[in-house]
Amino acid sequence: MEIPQPDPDRGLYGITVAAELVGSGPQNLRQYEARGLVTPQRTAGGTRRYSENDLSRLRDIAGLLDAGLNLAGIEMVLALRTANSQLQAEIDKLAGRPSTAPRAKGTARSNGRSPAPADAGKDGR
């Protein structure tokens, strides 16, 4: 009997638990959301719920911060990674082979607004 795998896009974790799991603070997660770097799901009451994919993206953000990038640089890196994955999938499709592009993990769901303007002076910590 095969055990069903949980949906990695399903929001399960509240902001405090998500922050603890990725080694950050809740206020940082709010800031990343405000900048459009991550878009957690919301309950009917407005509570943020972070998915496994969101946690993976938050870990990527933390790694980029540790590497010395600020939030503006991280926005650019994440956008380029997403574009690269999309282009690779298109190349694979045109070549008639299964996609080798990794699914862009934890990408922010469209929130109907453009990214926040770059603020090169703040690193979000």
PDB file of N, CA and C in Angstrom:
ATOM      1  N   MET A   1       0.842  -1.177   0.000  1.00  0.00           N
ATOM      2  CA  MET A   1       0.000   0.000   0.000  1.00  0.00           C
ATOM      3  C   MET A   1       0.890   1.245   0.000  1.00  0.00           C
ATOM      4  N   GLU A   2       0.620   2.152  -0.908  1.00  0.00           N
ATOM      5  CA  GLU A   2       1.430   3.347  -1.054  1.00  0.00           C
ATOM      6  C   GLU A   2       0.909   4.457  -0.148  1.00  0.00           C
ATOM      7  N   ILE A   3       1.817   5.063   0.595  1.00  0.00           N
ATOM      8  CA  ILE A   3       1.451   6.155   1.496  1.00  0.00           C
ATOM      9  C   ILE A   3       1.421   7.451   0.695  1.00  0.00           C
ATOM     10  N   PRO A   4       0.307   8.186   0.737  1.00  0.00           N
ATOM     11  CA  PRO A   4       0.248   9.438  -0.016  1.00  0.00           C
ATOM     12  C   PRO A   4       1.227  10.474   0.555  1.00  0.00           C
ATOM     13  N   GLN A   5       1.856  11.203  -0.332  1.00  0.00           N
ATOM     14  CA  GLN A   5       2.796  12.240   0.071  1.00  0.00           C
ATOM     15  C   GLN A   5       2.037  13.550   0.308  1.00  0.00           C
ATOM     16  N   PRO A   6       2.417  14.300   1.328  1.00  0.00           N
ATOM     17  CA  PRO A   6       1.754  15.578   1.577  1.00  0.00           C
ATOM     18  C   PRO A   6       2.045  16.573   0.456  1.00  0.00           C
ATOM     19  N   ASP A   7       1.117  17.458   0.219  1.00  0.00           N
ATOM     20  CA  ASP A   7       1.270  18.484  -0.808  1.00  0.00           C
ATOM     21  C   ASP A   7       2.277  19.529  -0.321  1.00  0.00           C
ATOM     22  N   PRO A   8       3.408  19.704  -1.010  1.00  0.00           N
ATOM     23  CA  PRO A   8       4.430  20.658  -0.552  1.00  0.00           C
ATOM     24  C   PRO A   8       3.994  22.120  -0.670  1.00  0.00           C
ATOM     25  N   ASP A   9       2.875  22.372  -1.352  1.00  0.00           N
ATOM     26  CA  ASP A   9       2.362  23.741  -1.483  1.00  0.00           C
ATOM     27  C   ASP A   9       1.300  24.075  -0.436  1.00  0.00           C
ATOM     28  N   ARG A  10       0.908  23.094   0.355  1.00  0.00           N
ATOM     29  CA  ARG A  10      -0.155  23.316   1.347  1.00  0.00           C
ATOM     30  C   ARG A  10       0.409  24.043   2.568  1.00  0.00           C
ATOM     31  N   GLY A  11      -0.185  25.154   2.917  1.00  0.00           N
ATOM     32  CA  GLY A  11       0.248  25.928   4.070  1.00  0.00           C
ATOM     33  C   GLY A  11      -0.114  25.222   5.364  1.00  0.00           C
ATOM     34  N   LEU A  12       0.890  24.845   6.128  1.00  0.00           N
ATOM     35  CA  LEU A  12       0.671  24.104   7.364  1.00  0.00           C
ATOM     36  C   LEU A  12       1.161  24.839   8.609  1.00  0.00           C
ATOM     37  N   TYR A  13       2.201  25.637   8.477  1.00  0.00           N
ATOM     38  CA  TYR A  13       2.891  26.185   9.629  1.00  0.00           C
ATOM     39  C   TYR A  13       2.554  27.657   9.842  1.00  0.00           C
ATOM     40  N   GLY A  14       2.259  28.018  11.086  1.00  0.00           N
ATOM     41  CA  GLY A  14       2.080  29.416  11.442  1.00  0.00           C
ATOM     42  C   GLY A  14       3.413  30.139  11.386  1.00  0.00           C
ATOM     43  N   ILE A  15       3.371  31.445  11.469  1.00  0.00           N
ATOM     44  CA  ILE A  15       4.588  32.244  11.295  1.00  0.00           C
ATOM     45  C   ILE A  15       5.634  31.965  12.364  1.00  0.00           C
ATOM     46  N   THR A  16       5.216  31.747  13.606  1.00  0.00           N
ATOM     47  CA  THR A  16       6.190  31.500  14.677  1.00  0.00           C
ATOM     48  C   THR A  16       6.902  30.169  14.469  1.00  0.00           C
ATOM     49  N   VAL A  17       6.141  29.138  14.118  1.00  0.00           N
ATOM     50  CA  VAL A  17       6.727  27.818  13.876  1.00  0.00           C
ATOM     51  C   VAL A  17       7.618  27.867  12.638  1.00  0.00           C
ATOM     52  N   ALA A  18       7.152  28.512  11.575  1.00  0.00           N
ATOM     53  CA  ALA A  18       7.941  28.608  10.345  1.00  0.00           C
ATOM     54  C   ALA A  18       9.258  29.334  10.613  1.00  0.00           C
ATOM     55  N   ALA A  19       9.202  30.420  11.369  1.00  0.00           N
ATOM     56  CA  ALA A  19      10.413  31.172  11.685  1.00  0.00           C
ATOM     57  C   ALA A  19      11.394  30.302  12.464  1.00  0.00           C
ATOM     58  N   GLU A  20      10.875  29.556  13.422  1.00  0.00           N
ATOM     59  CA  GLU A  20      11.738  28.673  14.213  1.00  0.00           C
ATOM     60  C   GLU A  20      12.360  27.577  13.341  1.00  0.00           C
ATOM     61  N   LEU A  21      11.575  27.017  12.432  1.00  0.00           N
ATOM     62  CA  LEU A  21      12.065  25.941  11.578  1.00  0.00           C
ATOM     63  C   LEU A  21      13.189  26.395  10.648  1.00  0.00           C
ATOM     64  N   VAL A  22      13.169  27.667  10.248  1.00  0.00           N
ATOM     65  CA  VAL A  22      14.201  28.161   9.324  1.00  0.00           C
ATOM     66  C   VAL A  22      15.264  28.986  10.035  1.00  0.00           C
ATOM     67  N   GLY A  23      15.151  29.124  11.355  1.00  0.00           N
ATOM     68  CA  GLY A  23      16.167  29.839  12.110  1.00  0.00           C
ATOM     69  C   GLY A  23      16.133  31.340  11.929  1.00  0.00           C
ATOM     70  N   SER A  24      14.955  31.892  11.815  1.00  0.00           N
ATOM     71  CA  SER A  24      14.796  33.326  11.619  1.00  0.00           C
ATOM     72  C   SER A  24      13.783  33.842  12.623  1.00  0.00           C
ATOM     73  N   GLY A  25      13.454  35.109  12.524  1.00  0.00           N
ATOM     74  CA  GLY A  25      12.436  35.690  13.379  1.00  0.00           C
ATOM     75  C   GLY A  25      11.163  35.963  12.607  1.00  0.00           C
ATOM     76  N   PRO A  26      10.026  35.946  13.285  1.00  0.00           N
ATOM     77  CA  PRO A  26       8.756  36.226  12.605  1.00  0.00           C
ATOM     78  C   PRO A  26       8.753  37.570  11.867  1.00  0.00           C
ATOM     79  N   GLN A  27       9.406  38.569  12.447  1.00  0.00           N
ATOM     80  CA  GLN A  27       9.426  39.878  11.793  1.00  0.00           C
ATOM     81  C   GLN A  27      10.159  39.820  10.459  1.00  0.00           C
ATOM     82  N   ASN A  28      11.217  39.009  10.373  1.00  0.00           N
ATOM     83  CA  ASN A  28      11.916  38.849   9.090  1.00  0.00           C
ATOM     84  C   ASN A  28      10.996  38.227   8.057  1.00  0.00           C
ATOM     85  N   LEU A  29      10.222  37.222   8.452  1.00  0.00           N
ATOM     86  CA  LEU A  29       9.302  36.579   7.518  1.00  0.00           C
ATOM     87  C   LEU A  29       8.267  37.579   7.014  1.00  0.00           C
ATOM     88  N   ARG A  30       7.797  38.451   7.913  1.00  0.00           N
ATOM     89  CA  ARG A  30       6.847  39.495   7.487  1.00  0.00           C
ATOM     90  C   ARG A  30       7.498  40.439   6.479  1.00  0.00           C
ATOM     91  N   GLN A  31       8.760  40.777   6.727  1.00  0.00           N
ATOM     92  CA  GLN A  31       9.484  41.662   5.813  1.00  0.00           C
ATOM     93  C   GLN A  31       9.676  40.996   4.448  1.00  0.00           C
ATOM     94  N   TYR A  32      10.032  39.723   4.438  1.00  0.00           N
ATOM     95  CA  TYR A  32      10.197  39.017   3.160  1.00  0.00           C
ATOM     96  C   TYR A  32       8.883  38.986   2.391  1.00  0.00           C
ATOM     97  N   GLU A  33       7.784  38.815   3.116  1.00  0.00           N
ATOM     98  CA  GLU A  33       6.478  38.821   2.455  1.00  0.00           C
ATOM     99  C   GLU A  33       6.185  40.211   1.887  1.00  0.00           C
ATOM    100  N   ALA A  34       6.470  41.245   2.654  1.00  0.00           N
ATOM    101  CA  ALA A  34       6.225  42.616   2.188  1.00  0.00           C
ATOM    102  C   ALA A  34       7.029  42.926   0.924  1.00  0.00           C
ATOM    103  N   ARG A  35       8.205  42.330   0.795  1.00  0.00           N
ATOM    104  CA  ARG A  35       9.050  42.545  -0.387  1.00  0.00           C
ATOM    105  C   ARG A  35       8.685  41.619  -1.539  1.00  0.00           C
ATOM    106  N   GLY A  36       7.753  40.699  -1.311  1.00  0.00           N
ATOM    107  CA  GLY A  36       7.339  39.792  -2.376  1.00  0.00           C
ATOM    108  C   GLY A  36       8.248  38.594  -2.552  1.00  0.00           C
ATOM    109  N   LEU A  37       9.129  38.326  -1.579  1.00  0.00           N
ATOM    110  CA  LEU A  37      10.048  37.194  -1.694  1.00  0.00           C
ATOM    111  C   LEU A  37       9.367  35.878  -1.378  1.00  0.00           C
ATOM    112  N   VAL A  38       8.337  35.904  -0.565  1.00  0.00           N
ATOM    113  CA  VAL A  38       7.569  34.716  -0.213  1.00  0.00           C
ATOM    114  C   VAL A  38       6.120  35.155  -0.005  1.00  0.00           C
ATOM    115  N   THR A  39       5.191  34.294  -0.388  1.00  0.00           N
ATOM    116  CA  THR A  39       3.778  34.612  -0.234  1.00  0.00           C
ATOM    117  C   THR A  39       3.074  33.437   0.419  1.00  0.00           C
ATOM    118  N   PRO A  40       3.010  33.450   1.751  1.00  0.00           N
ATOM    119  CA  PRO A  40       2.338  32.340   2.429  1.00  0.00           C
ATOM    120  C   PRO A  40       0.838  32.369   2.168  1.00  0.00           C
ATOM    121  N   GLN A  41       0.224  31.210   2.312  1.00  0.00           N
ATOM    122  CA  GLN A  41      -1.226  31.158   2.205  1.00  0.00           C
ATOM    123  C   GLN A  41      -1.810  31.836   3.429  1.00  0.00           C
ATOM    124  N   ARG A  42      -3.089  32.167   3.361  1.00  0.00           N
ATOM    125  CA  ARG A  42      -3.781  32.788   4.486  1.00  0.00           C
ATOM    126  C   ARG A  42      -5.034  31.990   4.806  1.00  0.00           C
ATOM    127  N   THR A  43      -5.321  31.901   6.094  1.00  0.00           N
ATOM    128  CA  THR A  43      -6.579  31.276   6.514  1.00  0.00           C
ATOM    129  C   THR A  43      -7.692  32.292   6.290  1.00  0.00           C
ATOM    130  N   ALA A  44      -8.946  31.866   6.491  1.00  0.00           N
ATOM    131  CA  ALA A  44     -10.084  32.774   6.344  1.00  0.00           C
ATOM    132  C   ALA A  44      -9.951  33.958   7.302  1.00  0.00           C
ATOM    133  N   GLY A  45      -9.319  33.739   8.449  1.00  0.00           N
ATOM    134  CA  GLY A  45      -9.121  34.803   9.424  1.00  0.00           C
ATOM    135  C   GLY A  45      -7.892  35.658   9.168  1.00  0.00           C
ATOM    136  N   GLY A  46      -7.103  35.335   8.144  1.00  0.00           N
ATOM    137  CA  GLY A  46      -5.941  36.137   7.777  1.00  0.00           C
ATOM    138  C   GLY A  46      -4.618  35.650   8.337  1.00  0.00           C
ATOM    139  N   THR A  47      -4.616  34.523   9.040  1.00  0.00           N
ATOM    140  CA  THR A  47      -3.376  33.992   9.607  1.00  0.00           C
ATOM    141  C   THR A  47      -2.501  33.421   8.501  1.00  0.00           C
ATOM    142  N   ARG A  48      -1.222  33.755   8.542  1.00  0.00           N
ATOM    143  CA  ARG A  48      -0.276  33.222   7.553  1.00  0.00           C
ATOM    144  C   ARG A  48      -0.065  31.732   7.801  1.00  0.00           C
ATOM    145  N   ARG A  49       0.025  30.964   6.709  1.00  0.00           N
ATOM    146  CA  ARG A  49       0.339  29.538   6.771  1.00  0.00           C
ATOM    147  C   ARG A  49       1.417  29.252   5.738  1.00  0.00           C
ATOM    148  N   TYR A  50       2.558  28.783   6.228  1.00  0.00           N
ATOM    149  CA  TYR A  50       3.707  28.513   5.366  1.00  0.00           C
ATOM    150  C   TYR A  50       3.753  27.034   4.988  1.00  0.00           C
ATOM    151  N   SER A  51       4.052  26.776   3.727  1.00  0.00           N
ATOM    152  CA  SER A  51       4.143  25.407   3.200  1.00  0.00           C
ATOM    153  C   SER A  51       5.599  24.938   3.254  1.00  0.00           C
ATOM    154  N   GLU A  52       5.797  23.650   2.944  1.00  0.00           N
ATOM    155  CA  GLU A  52       7.158  23.120   2.845  1.00  0.00           C
ATOM    156  C   GLU A  52       7.947  23.874   1.771  1.00  0.00           C
ATOM    157  N   ASN A  53       7.292  24.202   0.660  1.00  0.00           N
ATOM    158  CA  ASN A  53       7.976  24.964  -0.389  1.00  0.00           C
ATOM    159  C   ASN A  53       8.337  26.366   0.093  1.00  0.00           C
ATOM    160  N   ASP A  54       7.455  26.984   0.888  1.00  0.00           N
ATOM    161  CA  ASP A  54       7.768  28.293   1.464  1.00  0.00           C
ATOM    162  C   ASP A  54       8.987  28.186   2.389  1.00  0.00           C
ATOM    163  N   LEU A  55       9.026  27.124   3.207  1.00  0.00           N
ATOM    164  CA  LEU A  55      10.162  26.935   4.114  1.00  0.00           C
ATOM    165  C   LEU A  55      11.457  26.761   3.330  1.00  0.00           C
ATOM    166  N   SER A  56      11.405  26.024   2.240  1.00  0.00           N
ATOM    167  CA  SER A  56      12.588  25.837   1.401  1.00  0.00           C
ATOM    168  C   SER A  56      13.050  27.176   0.839  1.00  0.00           C
ATOM    169  N   ARG A  57      12.116  27.978   0.391  1.00  0.00           N
ATOM    170  CA  ARG A  57      12.450  29.299  -0.149  1.00  0.00           C
ATOM    171  C   ARG A  57      13.039  30.185   0.949  1.00  0.00           C
ATOM    172  N   LEU A  58      12.477  30.119   2.154  1.00  0.00           N
ATOM    173  CA  LEU A  58      13.014  30.902   3.270  1.00  0.00           C
ATOM    174  C   LEU A  58      14.442  30.477   3.612  1.00  0.00           C
ATOM    175  N   ARG A  59      14.713  29.175   3.513  1.00  0.00           N
ATOM    176  CA  ARG A  59      16.083  28.693   3.752  1.00  0.00           C
ATOM    177  C   ARG A  59      17.035  29.208   2.661  1.00  0.00           C
ATOM    178  N   ASP A  60      16.531  29.250   1.419  1.00  0.00           N
ATOM    179  CA  ASP A  60      17.335  29.815   0.326  1.00  0.00           C
ATOM    180  C   ASP A  60      17.646  31.287   0.604  1.00  0.00           C
ATOM    181  N   ILE A  61      16.642  32.028   1.058  1.00  0.00           N
ATOM    182  CA  ILE A  61      16.826  33.444   1.379  1.00  0.00           C
ATOM    183  C   ILE A  61      17.874  33.594   2.478  1.00  0.00           C
ATOM    184  N   ALA A  62      17.782  32.770   3.520  1.00  0.00           N
ATOM    185  CA  ALA A  62      18.748  32.829   4.622  1.00  0.00           C
ATOM    186  C   ALA A  62      20.156  32.542   4.116  1.00  0.00           C
ATOM    187  N   GLY A  63      20.290  31.560   3.231  1.00  0.00           N
ATOM    188  CA  GLY A  63      21.603  31.241   2.673  1.00  0.00           C
ATOM    189  C   GLY A  63      22.174  32.390   1.864  1.00  0.00           C
ATOM    190  N   LEU A  64      21.324  33.057   1.107  1.00  0.00           N
ATOM    191  CA  LEU A  64      21.786  34.202   0.319  1.00  0.00           C
ATOM    192  C   LEU A  64      22.157  35.380   1.221  1.00  0.00           C
ATOM    193  N   LEU A  65      21.398  35.581   2.300  1.00  0.00           N
ATOM    194  CA  LEU A  65      21.757  36.616   3.272  1.00  0.00           C
ATOM    195  C   LEU A  65      23.112  36.301   3.903  1.00  0.00           C
ATOM    196  N   ASP A  66      23.317  35.029   4.264  1.00  0.00           N
ATOM    197  CA  ASP A  66      24.589  34.615   4.860  1.00  0.00           C
ATOM    198  C   ASP A  66      25.755  34.802   3.886  1.00  0.00           C
ATOM    199  N   ALA A  67      25.466  34.705   2.589  1.00  0.00           N
ATOM    200  CA  ALA A  67      26.500  34.893   1.567  1.00  0.00           C
ATOM    201  C   ALA A  67      26.801  36.374   1.328  1.00  0.00           C
ATOM    202  N   GLY A  68      26.042  37.257   1.996  1.00  0.00           N
ATOM    203  CA  GLY A  68      26.324  38.677   1.897  1.00  0.00           C
ATOM    204  C   GLY A  68      25.391  39.480   1.013  1.00  0.00           C
ATOM    205  N   LEU A  69      24.390  38.848   0.428  1.00  0.00           N
ATOM    206  CA  LEU A  69      23.459  39.593  -0.408  1.00  0.00           C
ATOM    207  C   LEU A  69      22.455  40.338   0.460  1.00  0.00           C
ATOM    208  N   ASN A  70      21.993  41.477  -0.028  1.00  0.00           N
ATOM    209  CA  ASN A  70      20.905  42.176   0.643  1.00  0.00           C
ATOM    210  C   ASN A  70      19.591  41.754  -0.014  1.00  0.00           C
ATOM    211  N   LEU A  71      18.483  42.249   0.503  1.00  0.00           N
ATOM    212  CA  LEU A  71      17.178  41.797  -0.016  1.00  0.00           C
ATOM    213  C   LEU A  71      16.975  42.163  -1.479  1.00  0.00           C
ATOM    214  N   ALA A  72      17.507  43.295  -1.908  1.00  0.00           N
ATOM    215  CA  ALA A  72      17.395  43.666  -3.321  1.00  0.00           C
ATOM    216  C   ALA A  72      18.126  42.655  -4.202  1.00  0.00           C
ATOM    217  N   GLY A  73      19.316  42.250  -3.783  1.00  0.00           N
ATOM    218  CA  GLY A  73      20.069  41.245  -4.533  1.00  0.00           C
ATOM    219  C   GLY A  73      19.374  39.904  -4.535  1.00  0.00           C
ATOM    220  N   ILE A  74      18.784  39.554  -3.399  1.00  0.00           N
ATOM    221  CA  ILE A  74      18.067  38.277  -3.294  1.00  0.00           C
ATOM    222  C   ILE A  74      16.861  38.273  -4.222  1.00  0.00           C
ATOM    223  N   GLU A  75      16.151  39.395  -4.312  1.00  0.00           N
ATOM    224  CA  GLU A  75      15.027  39.495  -5.258  1.00  0.00           C
ATOM    225  C   GLU A  75      15.488  39.163  -6.665  1.00  0.00           C
ATOM    226  N   MET A  76      16.623  39.730  -7.047  1.00  0.00           N
ATOM    227  CA  MET A  76      17.153  39.513  -8.397  1.00  0.00           C
ATOM    228  C   MET A  76      17.563  38.055  -8.603  1.00  0.00           C
ATOM    229  N   VAL A  77      18.255  37.483  -7.630  1.00  0.00           N
ATOM    230  CA  VAL A  77      18.705  36.088  -7.744  1.00  0.00           C
ATOM    231  C   VAL A  77      17.504  35.158  -7.881  1.00  0.00           C
ATOM    232  N   LEU A  78      16.500  35.336  -7.036  1.00  0.00           N
ATOM    233  CA  LEU A  78      15.332  34.460  -7.088  1.00  0.00           C
ATOM    234  C   LEU A  78      14.567  34.616  -8.403  1.00  0.00           C
ATOM    235  N   ALA A  79      14.466  35.854  -8.889  1.00  0.00           N
ATOM    236  CA  ALA A  79      13.796  36.077 -10.179  1.00  0.00           C
ATOM    237  C   ALA A  79      14.573  35.406 -11.309  1.00  0.00           C
ATOM    238  N   LEU A  80      15.900  35.498 -11.277  1.00  0.00           N
ATOM    239  CA  LEU A  80      16.723  34.864 -12.308  1.00  0.00           C
ATOM    240  C   LEU A  80      16.636  33.341 -12.248  1.00  0.00           C
ATOM    241  N   ARG A  81      16.596  32.789 -11.043  1.00  0.00           N
ATOM    242  CA  ARG A  81      16.442  31.333 -10.909  1.00  0.00           C
ATOM    243  C   ARG A  81      15.124  30.869 -11.514  1.00  0.00           C
ATOM    244  N   THR A  82      14.056  31.612 -11.234  1.00  0.00           N
ATOM    245  CA  THR A  82      12.743  31.253 -11.772  1.00  0.00           C
ATOM    246  C   THR A  82      12.744  31.340 -13.295  1.00  0.00           C
ATOM    247  N   ALA A  83      13.294  32.425 -13.825  1.00  0.00           N
ATOM    248  CA  ALA A  83      13.356  32.592 -15.281  1.00  0.00           C
ATOM    249  C   ALA A  83      14.191  31.491 -15.914  1.00  0.00           C
ATOM    250  N   ASN A  84      15.296  31.136 -15.282  1.00  0.00           N
ATOM    251  CA  ASN A  84      16.154  30.075 -15.795  1.00  0.00           C
ATOM    252  C   ASN A  84      15.407  28.744 -15.843  1.00  0.00           C
ATOM    253  N   SER A  85      14.683  28.423 -14.794  1.00  0.00           N
ATOM    254  CA  SER A  85      13.914  27.173 -14.760  1.00  0.00           C
ATOM    255  C   SER A  85      12.852  27.144 -15.857  1.00  0.00           C
ATOM    256  N   GLN A  86      12.200  28.284 -16.059  1.00  0.00           N
ATOM    257  CA  GLN A  86      11.173  28.356 -17.102  1.00  0.00           C
ATOM    258  C   GLN A  86      11.783  28.184 -18.487  1.00  0.00           C
ATOM    259  N   LEU A  87      12.919  28.812 -18.720  1.00  0.00           N
ATOM    260  CA  LEU A  87      13.581  28.677 -20.018  1.00  0.00           C
ATOM    261  C   LEU A  87      14.066  27.250 -20.251  1.00  0.00           C
ATOM    262  N   GLN A  88      14.597  26.622 -19.205  1.00  0.00           N
ATOM    263  CA  GLN A  88      15.054  25.241 -19.347  1.00  0.00           C
ATOM    264  C   GLN A  88      13.883  24.323 -19.666  1.00  0.00           C
ATOM    265  N   ALA A  89      12.744  24.538 -19.021  1.00  0.00           N
ATOM    266  CA  ALA A  89      11.559  23.729 -19.301  1.00  0.00           C
ATOM    267  C   ALA A  89      11.104  23.928 -20.746  1.00  0.00           C
ATOM    268  N   GLU A  90      11.193  25.163 -21.237  1.00  0.00           N
ATOM    269  CA  GLU A  90      10.811  25.439 -22.625  1.00  0.00           C
ATOM    270  C   GLU A  90      11.768  24.752 -23.601  1.00  0.00           C
ATOM    271  N   ILE A  91      13.056  24.785 -23.297  1.00  0.00           N
ATOM    272  CA  ILE A  91      14.055  24.111 -24.141  1.00  0.00           C
ATOM    273  C   ILE A  91      13.766  22.613 -24.176  1.00  0.00           C
ATOM    274  N   ASP A  92      13.494  22.031 -23.007  1.00  0.00           N
ATOM    275  CA  ASP A  92      13.192  20.603 -22.936  1.00  0.00           C
ATOM    276  C   ASP A  92      11.938  20.259 -23.739  1.00  0.00           C
ATOM    277  N   LYS A  93      10.935  21.113 -23.642  1.00  0.00           N
ATOM    278  CA  LYS A  93       9.683  20.876 -24.381  1.00  0.00           C
ATOM    279  C   LYS A  93       9.934  20.925 -25.890  1.00  0.00           C
ATOM    280  N   LEU A  94      10.680  21.914 -26.331  1.00  0.00           N
ATOM    281  CA  LEU A  94      10.976  22.048 -27.758  1.00  0.00           C
ATOM    282  C   LEU A  94      11.832  20.893 -28.260  1.00  0.00           C
ATOM    283  N   ALA A  95      12.681  20.373 -27.397  1.00  0.00           N
ATOM    284  CA  ALA A  95      13.538  19.256 -27.771  1.00  0.00           C
ATOM    285  C   ALA A  95      12.806  17.921 -27.656  1.00  0.00           C
ATOM    286  N   GLY A  96      11.575  17.951 -27.129  1.00  0.00           N
ATOM    287  CA  GLY A  96      10.779  16.733 -27.027  1.00  0.00           C
ATOM    288  C   GLY A  96      11.264  15.770 -25.964  1.00  0.00           C
ATOM    289  N   ARG A  97      11.811  16.276 -24.901  1.00  0.00           N
ATOM    290  CA  ARG A  97      12.278  15.405 -23.820  1.00  0.00           C
ATOM    291  C   ARG A  97      11.639  15.848 -22.499  1.00  0.00           C
ATOM    292  N   PRO A  98      11.646  14.949 -21.536  1.00  0.00           N
ATOM    293  CA  PRO A  98      11.086  15.326 -20.229  1.00  0.00           C
ATOM    294  C   PRO A  98      11.871  16.487 -19.635  1.00  0.00           C
ATOM    295  N   SER A  99      11.173  17.335 -18.923  1.00  0.00           N
ATOM    296  CA  SER A  99      11.805  18.524 -18.364  1.00  0.00           C
ATOM    297  C   SER A  99      12.904  18.153 -17.379  1.00  0.00           C
ATOM    298  N   THR A 100      14.082  18.770 -17.582  1.00  0.00           N
ATOM    299  CA  THR A 100      15.184  18.595 -16.637  1.00  0.00           C
ATOM    300  C   THR A 100      15.260  19.772 -15.680  1.00  0.00           C
ATOM    301  N   ALA A 101      14.443  20.798 -15.940  1.00  0.00           N
ATOM    302  CA  ALA A 101      14.465  21.985 -15.086  1.00  0.00           C
ATOM    303  C   ALA A 101      13.820  21.661 -13.755  1.00  0.00           C
ATOM    304  N   PRO A 102      14.517  21.991 -12.671  1.00  0.00           N
ATOM    305  CA  PRO A 102      13.883  21.775 -11.370  1.00  0.00           C
ATOM    306  C   PRO A 102      12.720  22.727 -11.216  1.00  0.00           C
ATOM    307  N   ARG A 103      11.680  22.254 -10.569  1.00  0.00           N
ATOM    308  CA  ARG A 103      10.536  23.122 -10.315  1.00  0.00           C
ATOM    309  C   ARG A 103      11.029  24.208  -9.375  1.00  0.00           C
ATOM    310  N   ALA A 104      10.726  25.456  -9.698  1.00  0.00           N
ATOM    311  CA  ALA A 104      11.158  26.560  -8.843  1.00  0.00           C
ATOM    312  C   ALA A 104      10.496  26.385  -7.493  1.00  0.00           C
ATOM    313  N   LYS A 105      11.277  25.961  -6.505  1.00  0.00           N
ATOM    314  CA  LYS A 105      10.702  25.622  -5.214  1.00  0.00           C
ATOM    315  C   LYS A 105      10.317  26.860  -4.433  1.00  0.00           C
ATOM    316  N   GLY A 106       9.119  26.785  -3.874  1.00  0.00           N
ATOM    317  CA  GLY A 106       8.668  27.834  -2.994  1.00  0.00           C
ATOM    318  C   GLY A 106       8.531  29.193  -3.642  1.00  0.00           C
ATOM    319  N   THR A 107       8.307  29.250  -4.937  1.00  0.00           N
ATOM    320  CA  THR A 107       8.190  30.539  -5.576  1.00  0.00           C
ATOM    321  C   THR A 107       7.001  31.280  -5.021  1.00  0.00           C
ATOM    322  N   ALA A 108       7.156  32.554  -4.925  1.00  0.00           N
ATOM    323  CA  ALA A 108       6.060  33.374  -4.411  1.00  0.00           C
ATOM    324  C   ALA A 108       4.895  33.282  -5.372  1.00  0.00           C
ATOM    325  N   ARG A 109       3.749  33.042  -4.833  1.00  0.00           N
ATOM    326  CA  ARG A 109       2.556  33.024  -5.652  1.00  0.00           C
ATOM    327  C   ARG A 109       2.246  34.450  -6.077  1.00  0.00           C
ATOM    328  N   SER A 110       1.687  34.614  -7.261  1.00  0.00           N
ATOM    329  CA  SER A 110       1.407  35.944  -7.773  1.00  0.00           C
ATOM    330  C   SER A 110       0.472  36.675  -6.826  1.00  0.00           C
ATOM    331  N   ASN A 111       0.866  37.887  -6.453  1.00  0.00           N
ATOM    332  CA  ASN A 111       0.030  38.665  -5.572  1.00  0.00           C
ATOM    333  C   ASN A 111      -0.520  39.895  -6.273  1.00  0.00           C
ATOM    334  N   GLY A 112      -0.380  39.926  -7.598  1.00  0.00           N
ATOM    335  CA  GLY A 112      -0.987  40.984  -8.375  1.00  0.00           C
ATOM    336  C   GLY A 112      -0.260  42.319  -8.295  1.00  0.00           C
ATOM    337  N   ARG A 113       0.965  42.340  -7.780  1.00  0.00           N
ATOM    338  CA  ARG A 113       1.707  43.584  -7.720  1.00  0.00           C
ATOM    339  C   ARG A 113       3.137  43.345  -8.154  1.00  0.00           C
ATOM    340  N   SER A 114       3.772  44.406  -8.581  1.00  0.00           N
ATOM    341  CA  SER A 114       5.157  44.280  -9.009  1.00  0.00           C
ATOM    342  C   SER A 114       6.053  44.247  -7.779  1.00  0.00           C
ATOM    343  N   PRO A 115       7.275  43.747  -7.938  1.00  0.00           N
ATOM    344  CA  PRO A 115       8.190  43.684  -6.795  1.00  0.00           C
ATOM    345  C   PRO A 115       8.442  45.059  -6.211  1.00  0.00           C
ATOM    346  N   ALA A 116       8.732  45.093  -4.928  1.00  0.00           N
ATOM    347  CA  ALA A 116       9.034  46.345  -4.252  1.00  0.00           C
ATOM    348  C   ALA A 116      10.312  46.933  -4.830  1.00  0.00           C
ATOM    349  N   PRO A 117      10.443  48.265  -4.808  1.00  0.00           N
ATOM    350  CA  PRO A 117      11.669  48.850  -5.323  1.00  0.00           C
ATOM    351  C   PRO A 117      12.876  48.395  -4.514  1.00  0.00           C
ATOM    352  N   ALA A 118      14.008  48.293  -5.181  1.00  0.00           N
ATOM    353  CA  ALA A 118      15.227  47.835  -4.513  1.00  0.00           C
ATOM    354  C   ALA A 118      15.665  48.844  -3.474  1.00  0.00           C
ATOM    355  N   ASP A 119      16.078  48.333  -2.327  1.00  0.00           N
ATOM    356  CA  ASP A 119      16.619  49.179  -1.258  1.00  0.00           C
ATOM    357  C   ASP A 119      17.966  48.588  -0.893  1.00  0.00           C
ATOM    358  N   ALA A 120      19.012  49.048  -1.563  1.00  0.00           N
ATOM    359  CA  ALA A 120      20.320  48.427  -1.414  1.00  0.00           C
ATOM    360  C   ALA A 120      20.946  48.683  -0.062  1.00  0.00           C
ATOM    361  N   GLY A 121      20.362  49.533   0.774  1.00  0.00           N
ATOM    362  CA  GLY A 121      20.979  49.836   2.043  1.00  0.00           C
ATOM    363  C   GLY A 121      20.540  48.973   3.200  1.00  0.00           C
ATOM    364  N   LYS A 122      19.560  48.113   3.015  1.00  0.00           N
ATOM    365  CA  LYS A 122      19.054  47.298   4.111  1.00  0.00           C
ATOM    366  C   LYS A 122      19.174  45.840   3.761  1.00  0.00           C
ATOM    367  N   ASP A 123      19.585  45.022   4.726  1.00  0.00           N
ATOM    368  CA  ASP A 123      19.744  43.599   4.447  1.00  0.00           C
ATOM    369  C   ASP A 123      18.653  42.758   5.061  1.00  0.00           C
ATOM    370  N   GLY A 124      17.695  43.344   5.766  1.00  0.00           N
ATOM    371  CA  GLY A 124      16.548  42.607   6.256  1.00  0.00           C
ATOM    372  C   GLY A 124      16.778  41.818   7.524  1.00  0.00           C
ATOM    373  N   ARG A 125      17.898  42.031   8.186  1.00  0.00           N
ATOM    374  CA  ARG A 125      18.154  41.289   9.428  1.00  0.00           C
ATOM    375  C   ARG A 125      17.820  42.113  10.622  1.00  0.00           C
TER     376      ARG A 125
END
